[in-house]
């Protein structure tokens, strides 16, 4: 039996993922950038980005429940960029402004 994508269900999952990013509910990691803090979910980021997976693995608490949650400081990046990056990873889609193919072609043309 093949799974069928239900557009309404996919939209609800996306909204739920973005909601937990906004609220930090059930988070188990922290991202810092330019004075802002995001409470994030290691499983979600690790399955969608090898960079985040490796960054969290380097800080793994080795099953010691007394240690603090991992924290990644992205001090070289702006809050706007990190927010866009996290929203893209949580929603599994690019923001609408990056979906214009003509704009992307113009940006990457030689």
PDB file of N, CA and C in Angstrom:
ATOM      1  N   UNK A   1       0.845  -1.185   0.000  1.00  0.00           N
ATOM      2  CA  UNK A   1       0.000   0.000   0.000  1.00  0.00           C
ATOM      3  C   UNK A   1       0.885   1.241   0.000  1.00  0.00           C
ATOM      4  N   UNK A   2       0.680   2.121  -0.944  1.00  0.00           N
ATOM      5  CA  UNK A   2       1.464   3.347  -1.047  1.00  0.00           C
ATOM      6  C   UNK A   2       0.824   4.442  -0.196  1.00  0.00           C
ATOM      7  N   UNK A   3       1.669   5.263   0.392  1.00  0.00           N
ATOM      8  CA  UNK A   3       1.184   6.412   1.148  1.00  0.00           C
ATOM      9  C   UNK A   3       0.857   7.528   0.178  1.00  0.00           C
ATOM     10  N   UNK A   4      -0.268   8.159   0.402  1.00  0.00           N
ATOM     11  CA  UNK A   4      -0.675   9.275  -0.434  1.00  0.00           C
ATOM     12  C   UNK A   4      -0.523  10.566   0.353  1.00  0.00           C
ATOM     13  N   UNK A   5       0.060  11.554  -0.272  1.00  0.00           N
ATOM     14  CA  UNK A   5       0.226  12.846   0.388  1.00  0.00           C
ATOM     15  C   UNK A   5      -1.109  13.595   0.398  1.00  0.00           C
ATOM     16  N   UNK A   6      -1.594  13.885   1.552  1.00  0.00           N
ATOM     17  CA  UNK A   6      -2.799  14.678   1.721  1.00  0.00           C
ATOM     18  C   UNK A   6      -2.346  16.109   1.995  1.00  0.00           C
ATOM     19  N   UNK A   7      -2.642  17.019   1.076  1.00  0.00           N
ATOM     20  CA  UNK A   7      -2.150  18.383   1.179  1.00  0.00           C
ATOM     21  C   UNK A   7      -2.565  19.054   2.484  1.00  0.00           C
ATOM     22  N   UNK A   8      -3.781  18.821   2.919  1.00  0.00           N
ATOM     23  CA  UNK A   8      -4.247  19.407   4.179  1.00  0.00           C
ATOM     24  C   UNK A   8      -3.474  18.876   5.373  1.00  0.00           C
ATOM     25  N   UNK A   9      -3.208  17.571   5.377  1.00  0.00           N
ATOM     26  CA  UNK A   9      -2.448  16.971   6.478  1.00  0.00           C
ATOM     27  C   UNK A   9      -1.008  17.480   6.476  1.00  0.00           C
ATOM     28  N   UNK A  10      -0.417  17.609   5.287  1.00  0.00           N
ATOM     29  CA  UNK A  10       0.951  18.121   5.205  1.00  0.00           C
ATOM     30  C   UNK A  10       1.029  19.557   5.703  1.00  0.00           C
ATOM     31  N   UNK A  11       0.036  20.349   5.380  1.00  0.00           N
ATOM     32  CA  UNK A  11       0.004  21.732   5.846  1.00  0.00           C
ATOM     33  C   UNK A  11      -0.118  21.780   7.370  1.00  0.00           C
ATOM     34  N   UNK A  12      -0.919  20.892   7.941  1.00  0.00           N
ATOM     35  CA  UNK A  12      -1.088  20.854   9.392  1.00  0.00           C
ATOM     36  C   UNK A  12       0.219  20.443  10.082  1.00  0.00           C
ATOM     37  N   UNK A  13       0.919  19.474   9.517  1.00  0.00           N
ATOM     38  CA  UNK A  13       2.209  19.052  10.086  1.00  0.00           C
ATOM     39  C   UNK A  13       3.197  20.208  10.036  1.00  0.00           C
ATOM     40  N   UNK A  14       3.232  20.914   8.925  1.00  0.00           N
ATOM     41  CA  UNK A  14       4.129  22.061   8.788  1.00  0.00           C
ATOM     42  C   UNK A  14       3.809  23.130   9.818  1.00  0.00           C
ATOM     43  N   UNK A  15       2.537  23.448   9.974  1.00  0.00           N
ATOM     44  CA  UNK A  15       2.142  24.457  10.960  1.00  0.00           C
ATOM     45  C   UNK A  15       2.479  24.014  12.376  1.00  0.00           C
ATOM     46  N   UNK A  16       2.310  22.727  12.666  1.00  0.00           N
ATOM     47  CA  UNK A  16       2.635  22.208  13.994  1.00  0.00           C
ATOM     48  C   UNK A  16       4.136  22.296  14.255  1.00  0.00           C
ATOM     49  N   UNK A  17       4.947  21.976  13.240  1.00  0.00           N
ATOM     50  CA  UNK A  17       6.400  22.058  13.395  1.00  0.00           C
ATOM     51  C   UNK A  17       6.828  23.504  13.638  1.00  0.00           C
ATOM     52  N   UNK A  18       6.265  24.418  12.889  1.00  0.00           N
ATOM     53  CA  UNK A  18       6.608  25.827  13.082  1.00  0.00           C
ATOM     54  C   UNK A  18       6.137  26.330  14.450  1.00  0.00           C
ATOM     55  N   UNK A  19       5.023  25.819  14.930  1.00  0.00           N
ATOM     56  CA  UNK A  19       4.525  26.217  16.247  1.00  0.00           C
ATOM     57  C   UNK A  19       5.493  25.790  17.352  1.00  0.00           C
ATOM     58  N   UNK A  20       6.009  24.564  17.277  1.00  0.00           N
ATOM     59  CA  UNK A  20       6.941  24.141  18.331  1.00  0.00           C
ATOM     60  C   UNK A  20       8.266  24.889  18.218  1.00  0.00           C
ATOM     61  N   UNK A  21       8.636  25.344  17.024  1.00  0.00           N
ATOM     62  CA  UNK A  21       9.817  26.208  16.903  1.00  0.00           C
ATOM     63  C   UNK A  21       9.547  27.529  17.606  1.00  0.00           C
ATOM     64  N   UNK A  22       8.367  28.093  17.391  1.00  0.00           N
ATOM     65  CA  UNK A  22       8.005  29.370  18.020  1.00  0.00           C
ATOM     66  C   UNK A  22       7.926  29.274  19.539  1.00  0.00           C
ATOM     67  N   UNK A  23       7.319  28.214  20.039  1.00  0.00           N
ATOM     68  CA  UNK A  23       7.099  28.096  21.483  1.00  0.00           C
ATOM     69  C   UNK A  23       8.258  27.452  22.215  1.00  0.00           C
ATOM     70  N   UNK A  24       9.059  26.647  21.500  1.00  0.00           N
ATOM     71  CA  UNK A  24      10.138  25.919  22.158  1.00  0.00           C
ATOM     72  C   UNK A  24       9.648  24.703  22.927  1.00  0.00           C
ATOM     73  N   UNK A  25       8.362  24.376  22.805  1.00  0.00           N
ATOM     74  CA  UNK A  25       7.801  23.243  23.530  1.00  0.00           C
ATOM     75  C   UNK A  25       8.526  21.947  23.152  1.00  0.00           C
ATOM     76  N   UNK A  26       8.874  21.162  24.155  1.00  0.00           N
ATOM     77  CA  UNK A  26       9.566  19.878  24.004  1.00  0.00           C
ATOM     78  C   UNK A  26      10.966  20.010  23.394  1.00  0.00           C
ATOM     79  N   UNK A  27      11.542  21.204  23.439  1.00  0.00           N
ATOM     80  CA  UNK A  27      12.869  21.402  22.850  1.00  0.00           C
ATOM     81  C   UNK A  27      13.938  20.710  23.687  1.00  0.00           C
ATOM     82  N   UNK A  28      15.054  20.417  23.044  1.00  0.00           N
ATOM     83  CA  UNK A  28      16.164  19.784  23.757  1.00  0.00           C
ATOM     84  C   UNK A  28      17.514  20.279  23.242  1.00  0.00           C
ATOM     85  N   UNK A  29      17.521  21.506  22.754  1.00  0.00           N
ATOM     86  CA  UNK A  29      18.752  22.140  22.306  1.00  0.00           C
ATOM     87  C   UNK A  29      18.514  23.625  22.125  1.00  0.00           C
ATOM     88  N   UNK A  30      19.618  24.365  21.984  1.00  0.00           N
ATOM     89  CA  UNK A  30      19.531  25.813  21.850  1.00  0.00           C
ATOM     90  C   UNK A  30      20.433  26.277  20.715  1.00  0.00           C
ATOM     91  N   UNK A  31      19.927  27.217  19.939  1.00  0.00           N
ATOM     92  CA  UNK A  31      20.709  27.889  18.906  1.00  0.00           C
ATOM     93  C   UNK A  31      20.791  29.358  19.306  1.00  0.00           C
ATOM     94  N   UNK A  32      21.994  29.916  19.240  1.00  0.00           N
ATOM     95  CA  UNK A  32      22.208  31.327  19.549  1.00  0.00           C
ATOM     96  C   UNK A  32      22.767  32.027  18.314  1.00  0.00           C
ATOM     97  N   UNK A  33      22.311  33.260  18.096  1.00  0.00           N
ATOM     98  CA  UNK A  33      22.869  34.079  17.017  1.00  0.00           C
ATOM     99  C   UNK A  33      22.574  35.538  17.303  1.00  0.00           C
ATOM    100  N   UNK A  34      23.605  36.324  17.358  1.00  0.00           N
ATOM    101  CA  UNK A  34      23.472  37.778  17.444  1.00  0.00           C
ATOM    102  C   UNK A  34      22.499  38.225  18.539  1.00  0.00           C
ATOM    103  N   UNK A  35      22.595  37.603  19.706  1.00  0.00           N
ATOM    104  CA  UNK A  35      21.763  37.990  20.841  1.00  0.00           C
ATOM    105  C   UNK A  35      20.391  37.347  20.909  1.00  0.00           C
ATOM    106  N   UNK A  36      20.041  36.540  19.955  1.00  0.00           N
ATOM    107  CA  UNK A  36      18.739  35.859  19.973  1.00  0.00           C
ATOM    108  C   UNK A  36      18.935  34.381  20.265  1.00  0.00           C
ATOM    109  N   UNK A  37      17.942  33.790  20.912  1.00  0.00           N
ATOM    110  CA  UNK A  37      17.972  32.373  21.276  1.00  0.00           C
ATOM    111  C   UNK A  37      16.762  31.658  20.696  1.00  0.00           C
ATOM    112  N   UNK A  38      17.013  30.494  20.123  1.00  0.00           N
ATOM    113  CA  UNK A  38      15.933  29.612  19.645  1.00  0.00           C
ATOM    114  C   UNK A  38      16.032  28.306  20.410  1.00  0.00           C
ATOM    115  N   UNK A  39      14.919  27.842  20.967  1.00  0.00           N
ATOM    116  CA  UNK A  39      14.846  26.529  21.610  1.00  0.00           C
ATOM    117  C   UNK A  39      14.441  25.562  20.504  1.00  0.00           C
ATOM    118  N   UNK A  40      15.333  24.608  20.195  1.00  0.00           N
ATOM    119  CA  UNK A  40      15.146  23.757  19.021  1.00  0.00           C
ATOM    120  C   UNK A  40      15.055  22.281  19.396  1.00  0.00           C
ATOM    121  N   UNK A  41      14.772  21.493  18.395  1.00  0.00           N
ATOM    122  CA  UNK A  41      14.549  20.061  18.555  1.00  0.00           C
ATOM    123  C   UNK A  41      15.627  19.316  17.767  1.00  0.00           C
ATOM    124  N   UNK A  42      16.550  18.698  18.496  1.00  0.00           N
ATOM    125  CA  UNK A  42      17.716  18.061  17.873  1.00  0.00           C
ATOM    126  C   UNK A  42      17.319  17.012  16.842  1.00  0.00           C
ATOM    127  N   UNK A  43      16.321  16.211  17.117  1.00  0.00           N
ATOM    128  CA  UNK A  43      15.929  15.150  16.184  1.00  0.00           C
ATOM    129  C   UNK A  43      15.512  15.746  14.844  1.00  0.00           C
ATOM    130  N   UNK A  44      14.696  16.781  14.883  1.00  0.00           N
ATOM    131  CA  UNK A  44      14.222  17.386  13.648  1.00  0.00           C
ATOM    132  C   UNK A  44      15.385  17.995  12.864  1.00  0.00           C
ATOM    133  N   UNK A  45      16.208  18.790  13.514  1.00  0.00           N
ATOM    134  CA  UNK A  45      17.317  19.426  12.806  1.00  0.00           C
ATOM    135  C   UNK A  45      18.348  18.405  12.337  1.00  0.00           C
ATOM    136  N   UNK A  46      18.594  17.376  13.130  1.00  0.00           N
ATOM    137  CA  UNK A  46      19.596  16.364  12.770  1.00  0.00           C
ATOM    138  C   UNK A  46      19.166  15.508  11.597  1.00  0.00           C
ATOM    139  N   UNK A  47      17.880  15.296  11.431  1.00  0.00           N
ATOM    140  CA  UNK A  47      17.421  14.491  10.299  1.00  0.00           C
ATOM    141  C   UNK A  47      17.344  15.305   9.010  1.00  0.00           C
ATOM    142  N   UNK A  48      17.356  16.620   9.132  1.00  0.00           N
ATOM    143  CA  UNK A  48      17.248  17.464   7.940  1.00  0.00           C
ATOM    144  C   UNK A  48      18.549  18.183   7.576  1.00  0.00           C
ATOM    145  N   UNK A  49      19.563  18.054   8.450  1.00  0.00           N
ATOM    146  CA  UNK A  49      20.828  18.734   8.173  1.00  0.00           C
ATOM    147  C   UNK A  49      21.980  17.951   8.785  1.00  0.00           C
ATOM    148  N   UNK A  50      22.893  17.498   7.945  1.00  0.00           N
ATOM    149  CA  UNK A  50      24.063  16.771   8.439  1.00  0.00           C
ATOM    150  C   UNK A  50      24.932  17.695   9.303  1.00  0.00           C
ATOM    151  N   UNK A  51      24.961  18.981   8.981  1.00  0.00           N
ATOM    152  CA  UNK A  51      25.755  19.926   9.770  1.00  0.00           C
ATOM    153  C   UNK A  51      25.233  19.989  11.209  1.00  0.00           C
ATOM    154  N   UNK A  52      23.920  20.134  11.372  1.00  0.00           N
ATOM    155  CA  UNK A  52      23.354  20.169  12.720  1.00  0.00           C
ATOM    156  C   UNK A  52      23.534  18.824  13.418  1.00  0.00           C
ATOM    157  N   UNK A  53      23.390  17.728  12.703  1.00  0.00           N
ATOM    158  CA  UNK A  53      23.591  16.405  13.294  1.00  0.00           C
ATOM    159  C   UNK A  53      24.982  16.293  13.899  1.00  0.00           C
ATOM    160  N   UNK A  54      25.994  16.678  13.133  1.00  0.00           N
ATOM    161  CA  UNK A  54      27.367  16.594  13.625  1.00  0.00           C
ATOM    162  C   UNK A  54      27.617  17.583  14.762  1.00  0.00           C
ATOM    163  N   UNK A  55      27.052  18.772  14.661  1.00  0.00           N
ATOM    164  CA  UNK A  55      27.230  19.765  15.729  1.00  0.00           C
ATOM    165  C   UNK A  55      26.612  19.279  17.040  1.00  0.00           C
ATOM    166  N   UNK A  56      25.441  18.680  16.989  1.00  0.00           N
ATOM    167  CA  UNK A  56      24.815  18.163  18.208  1.00  0.00           C
ATOM    168  C   UNK A  56      25.560  16.939  18.736  1.00  0.00           C
ATOM    169  N   UNK A  57      26.039  16.080  17.852  1.00  0.00           N
ATOM    170  CA  UNK A  57      26.778  14.893  18.300  1.00  0.00           C
ATOM    171  C   UNK A  57      28.044  15.274  19.041  1.00  0.00           C
ATOM    172  N   UNK A  58      28.697  16.349  18.642  1.00  0.00           N
ATOM    173  CA  UNK A  58      29.913  16.808  19.326  1.00  0.00           C
ATOM    174  C   UNK A  58      29.624  17.231  20.758  1.00  0.00           C
ATOM    175  N   UNK A  59      28.388  17.610  21.032  1.00  0.00           N
ATOM    176  CA  UNK A  59      28.004  18.080  22.358  1.00  0.00           C
ATOM    177  C   UNK A  59      27.128  17.085  23.107  1.00  0.00           C
ATOM    178  N   UNK A  60      27.073  15.860  22.638  1.00  0.00           N
ATOM    179  CA  UNK A  60      26.200  14.855  23.260  1.00  0.00           C
ATOM    180  C   UNK A  60      26.547  14.709  24.742  1.00  0.00           C
ATOM    181  N   UNK A  61      25.534  14.679  25.605  1.00  0.00           N
ATOM    182  CA  UNK A  61      25.776  14.617  27.050  1.00  0.00           C
ATOM    183  C   UNK A  61      26.169  13.237  27.575  1.00  0.00           C
ATOM    184  N   UNK A  62      26.391  12.259  26.690  1.00  0.00           N
ATOM    185  CA  UNK A  62      26.805  10.916  27.118  1.00  0.00           C
ATOM    186  C   UNK A  62      25.887  10.321  28.176  1.00  0.00           C
ATOM    187  N   UNK A  63      24.570  10.483  27.965  1.00  0.00           N
ATOM    188  CA  UNK A  63      23.556   9.925  28.864  1.00  0.00           C
ATOM    189  C   UNK A  63      23.643  10.458  30.285  1.00  0.00           C
ATOM    190  N   UNK A  64      24.301  11.589  30.502  1.00  0.00           N
ATOM    191  CA  UNK A  64      24.372  12.216  31.823  1.00  0.00           C
ATOM    192  C   UNK A  64      23.239  13.234  31.901  1.00  0.00           C
ATOM    193  N   UNK A  65      22.201  12.914  32.632  1.00  0.00           N
ATOM    194  CA  UNK A  65      21.011  13.757  32.673  1.00  0.00           C
ATOM    195  C   UNK A  65      21.222  15.059  33.430  1.00  0.00           C
ATOM    196  N   UNK A  66      22.352  15.202  34.142  1.00  0.00           N
ATOM    197  CA  UNK A  66      22.625  16.429  34.882  1.00  0.00           C
ATOM    198  C   UNK A  66      23.232  17.514  33.994  1.00  0.00           C
ATOM    199  N   UNK A  67      23.725  17.136  32.836  1.00  0.00           N
ATOM    200  CA  UNK A  67      24.346  18.114  31.948  1.00  0.00           C
ATOM    201  C   UNK A  67      23.283  18.941  31.240  1.00  0.00           C
ATOM    202  N   UNK A  68      23.696  20.137  30.860  1.00  0.00           N
ATOM    203  CA  UNK A  68      22.785  21.021  30.138  1.00  0.00           C
ATOM    204  C   UNK A  68      22.583  20.538  28.708  1.00  0.00           C
ATOM    205  N   UNK A  69      21.518  21.018  28.109  1.00  0.00           N
ATOM    206  CA  UNK A  69      21.233  20.687  26.714  1.00  0.00           C
ATOM    207  C   UNK A  69      22.286  21.321  25.810  1.00  0.00           C
ATOM    208  N   UNK A  70      22.537  20.714  24.653  1.00  0.00           N
ATOM    209  CA  UNK A  70      23.525  21.278  23.732  1.00  0.00           C
ATOM    210  C   UNK A  70      23.133  22.671  23.254  1.00  0.00           C
ATOM    211  N   UNK A  71      24.162  23.479  23.030  1.00  0.00           N
ATOM    212  CA  UNK A  71      23.968  24.852  22.592  1.00  0.00           C
ATOM    213  C   UNK A  71      24.923  25.115  21.434  1.00  0.00           C
ATOM    214  N   UNK A  72      24.382  25.631  20.346  1.00  0.00           N
ATOM    215  CA  UNK A  72      25.192  25.952  19.179  1.00  0.00           C
ATOM    216  C   UNK A  72      25.146  27.465  18.985  1.00  0.00           C
ATOM    217  N   UNK A  73      26.325  28.080  18.989  1.00  0.00           N
ATOM    218  CA  UNK A  73      26.404  29.517  18.804  1.00  0.00           C
ATOM    219  C   UNK A  73      26.815  29.817  17.366  1.00  0.00           C
ATOM    220  N   UNK A  74      25.919  30.442  16.634  1.00  0.00           N
ATOM    221  CA  UNK A  74      26.161  30.804  15.240  1.00  0.00           C
ATOM    222  C   UNK A  74      26.481  32.297  15.174  1.00  0.00           C
ATOM    223  N   UNK A  75      27.518  32.703  15.875  1.00  0.00           N
ATOM    224  CA  UNK A  75      27.831  34.123  16.034  1.00  0.00           C
ATOM    225  C   UNK A  75      28.153  34.853  14.729  1.00  0.00           C
ATOM    226  N   UNK A  76      28.535  34.126  13.688  1.00  0.00           N
ATOM    227  CA  UNK A  76      28.856  34.770  12.417  1.00  0.00           C
ATOM    228  C   UNK A  76      27.613  35.093  11.591  1.00  0.00           C
ATOM    229  N   UNK A  77      26.455  34.587  11.983  1.00  0.00           N
ATOM    230  CA  UNK A  77      25.245  34.731  11.171  1.00  0.00           C
ATOM    231  C   UNK A  77      24.275  35.730  11.790  1.00  0.00           C
ATOM    232  N   UNK A  78      23.479  36.350  10.949  1.00  0.00           N
ATOM    233  CA  UNK A  78      22.470  37.290  11.433  1.00  0.00           C
ATOM    234  C   UNK A  78      21.257  36.534  11.966  1.00  0.00           C
ATOM    235  N   UNK A  79      20.498  37.192  12.812  1.00  0.00           N
ATOM    236  CA  UNK A  79      19.281  36.568  13.335  1.00  0.00           C
ATOM    237  C   UNK A  79      18.287  36.303  12.212  1.00  0.00           C
ATOM    238  N   UNK A  80      18.233  37.200  11.235  1.00  0.00           N
ATOM    239  CA  UNK A  80      17.304  37.025  10.120  1.00  0.00           C
ATOM    240  C   UNK A  80      17.633  35.758   9.340  1.00  0.00           C
ATOM    241  N   UNK A  81      18.941  35.535   9.079  1.00  0.00           N
ATOM    242  CA  UNK A  81      19.335  34.350   8.324  1.00  0.00           C
ATOM    243  C   UNK A  81      19.060  33.073   9.114  1.00  0.00           C
ATOM    244  N   UNK A  82      19.411  33.061  10.399  1.00  0.00           N
ATOM    245  CA  UNK A  82      19.200  31.864  11.220  1.00  0.00           C
ATOM    246  C   UNK A  82      17.715  31.565  11.343  1.00  0.00           C
ATOM    247  N   UNK A  83      16.895  32.590  11.517  1.00  0.00           N
ATOM    248  CA  UNK A  83      15.454  32.385  11.609  1.00  0.00           C
ATOM    249  C   UNK A  83      14.916  31.784  10.306  1.00  0.00           C
ATOM    250  N   UNK A  84      15.362  32.313   9.156  1.00  0.00           N
ATOM    251  CA  UNK A  84      14.940  31.774   7.862  1.00  0.00           C
ATOM    252  C   UNK A  84      15.409  30.325   7.711  1.00  0.00           C
ATOM    253  N   UNK A  85      16.651  30.046   8.104  1.00  0.00           N
ATOM    254  CA  UNK A  85      17.195  28.696   8.020  1.00  0.00           C
ATOM    255  C   UNK A  85      16.383  27.719   8.869  1.00  0.00           C
ATOM    256  N   UNK A  86      16.113  28.082  10.107  1.00  0.00           N
ATOM    257  CA  UNK A  86      15.346  27.193  10.990  1.00  0.00           C
ATOM    258  C   UNK A  86      13.919  26.997  10.478  1.00  0.00           C
ATOM    259  N   UNK A  87      13.283  28.058  10.023  1.00  0.00           N
ATOM    260  CA  UNK A  87      11.923  27.933   9.492  1.00  0.00           C
ATOM    261  C   UNK A  87      11.903  27.037   8.259  1.00  0.00           C
ATOM    262  N   UNK A  88      12.945  27.133   7.440  1.00  0.00           N
ATOM    263  CA  UNK A  88      13.041  26.274   6.261  1.00  0.00           C
ATOM    264  C   UNK A  88      13.202  24.819   6.675  1.00  0.00           C
ATOM    265  N   UNK A  89      14.059  24.549   7.649  1.00  0.00           N
ATOM    266  CA  UNK A  89      14.271  23.172   8.096  1.00  0.00           C
ATOM    267  C   UNK A  89      13.029  22.616   8.798  1.00  0.00           C
ATOM    268  N   UNK A  90      12.368  23.422   9.614  1.00  0.00           N
ATOM    269  CA  UNK A  90      11.176  22.950  10.324  1.00  0.00           C
ATOM    270  C   UNK A  90       9.995  22.731   9.379  1.00  0.00           C
ATOM    271  N   UNK A  91       9.834  23.593   8.391  1.00  0.00           N
ATOM    272  CA  UNK A  91       8.690  23.467   7.484  1.00  0.00           C
ATOM    273  C   UNK A  91       9.001  22.583   6.284  1.00  0.00           C
ATOM    274  N   UNK A  92      10.280  22.284   6.083  1.00  0.00           N
ATOM    275  CA  UNK A  92      10.733  21.460   4.966  1.00  0.00           C
ATOM    276  C   UNK A  92      10.386  22.097   3.616  1.00  0.00           C
ATOM    277  N   UNK A  93      10.403  23.434   3.590  1.00  0.00           N
ATOM    278  CA  UNK A  93      10.175  24.153   2.342  1.00  0.00           C
ATOM    279  C   UNK A  93      10.850  25.515   2.405  1.00  0.00           C
ATOM    280  N   UNK A  94      11.233  26.012   1.230  1.00  0.00           N
ATOM    281  CA  UNK A  94      11.852  27.330   1.141  1.00  0.00           C
ATOM    282  C   UNK A  94      10.793  28.417   1.289  1.00  0.00           C
ATOM    283  N   UNK A  95      11.181  29.556   1.851  1.00  0.00           N
ATOM    284  CA  UNK A  95      10.244  30.682   1.878  1.00  0.00           C
ATOM    285  C   UNK A  95       9.863  31.069   0.455  1.00  0.00           C
ATOM    286  N   UNK A  96       8.670  31.602   0.291  1.00  0.00           N
ATOM    287  CA  UNK A  96       8.141  31.923  -1.033  1.00  0.00           C
ATOM    288  C   UNK A  96       9.074  32.812  -1.856  1.00  0.00           C
ATOM    289  N   UNK A  97       9.783  33.735  -1.208  1.00  0.00           N
ATOM    290  CA  UNK A  97      10.631  34.649  -1.980  1.00  0.00           C
ATOM    291  C   UNK A  97      11.778  33.929  -2.678  1.00  0.00           C
ATOM    292  N   UNK A  98      12.106  32.699  -2.275  1.00  0.00           N
ATOM    293  CA  UNK A  98      13.180  31.944  -2.912  1.00  0.00           C
ATOM    294  C   UNK A  98      12.663  30.959  -3.958  1.00  0.00           C
ATOM    295  N   UNK A  99      11.360  30.940  -4.189  1.00  0.00           N
ATOM    296  CA  UNK A  99      10.789  30.006  -5.139  1.00  0.00           C
ATOM    297  C   UNK A  99      10.658  30.577  -6.544  1.00  0.00           C
ATOM    298  N   UNK A 100      10.993  31.834  -6.733  1.00  0.00           N
ATOM    299  CA  UNK A 100      10.923  32.463  -8.045  1.00  0.00           C
ATOM    300  C   UNK A 100      12.118  31.996  -8.878  1.00  0.00           C
ATOM    301  N   UNK A 101      11.861  31.111  -9.826  1.00  0.00           N
ATOM    302  CA  UNK A 101      12.927  30.525 -10.631  1.00  0.00           C
ATOM    303  C   UNK A 101      13.688  31.592 -11.415  1.00  0.00           C
ATOM    304  N   UNK A 102      12.980  32.563 -11.960  1.00  0.00           N
ATOM    305  CA  UNK A 102      13.667  33.611 -12.718  1.00  0.00           C
ATOM    306  C   UNK A 102      14.654  34.355 -11.839  1.00  0.00           C
ATOM    307  N   UNK A 103      14.265  34.651 -10.606  1.00  0.00           N
ATOM    308  CA  UNK A 103      15.166  35.323  -9.671  1.00  0.00           C
ATOM    309  C   UNK A 103      16.362  34.460  -9.316  1.00  0.00           C
ATOM    310  N   UNK A 104      16.120  33.163  -9.134  1.00  0.00           N
ATOM    311  CA  UNK A 104      17.225  32.258  -8.805  1.00  0.00           C
ATOM    312  C   UNK A 104      18.178  32.148  -9.973  1.00  0.00           C
ATOM    313  N   UNK A 105      17.644  32.057 -11.195  1.00  0.00           N
ATOM    314  CA  UNK A 105      18.506  31.972 -12.377  1.00  0.00           C
ATOM    315  C   UNK A 105      19.338  33.248 -12.532  1.00  0.00           C
ATOM    316  N   UNK A 106      18.725  34.383 -12.259  1.00  0.00           N
ATOM    317  CA  UNK A 106      19.462  35.647 -12.394  1.00  0.00           C
ATOM    318  C   UNK A 106      20.576  35.719 -11.352  1.00  0.00           C
ATOM    319  N   UNK A 107      20.313  35.230 -10.155  1.00  0.00           N
ATOM    320  CA  UNK A 107      21.307  35.261  -9.094  1.00  0.00           C
ATOM    321  C   UNK A 107      22.500  34.376  -9.409  1.00  0.00           C
ATOM    322  N   UNK A 108      22.262  33.226  -9.999  1.00  0.00           N
ATOM    323  CA  UNK A 108      23.317  32.261 -10.224  1.00  0.00           C
ATOM    324  C   UNK A 108      23.845  32.243 -11.653  1.00  0.00           C
ATOM    325  N   UNK A 109      23.429  33.190 -12.477  1.00  0.00           N
ATOM    326  CA  UNK A 109      23.929  33.197 -13.852  1.00  0.00           C
ATOM    327  C   UNK A 109      25.389  33.630 -13.880  1.00  0.00           C
ATOM    328  N   UNK A 110      26.110  33.187 -14.928  1.00  0.00           N
ATOM    329  CA  UNK A 110      27.531  33.539 -15.030  1.00  0.00           C
ATOM    330  C   UNK A 110      27.766  34.646 -16.020  1.00  0.00           C
TER     331      UNK A 110
END
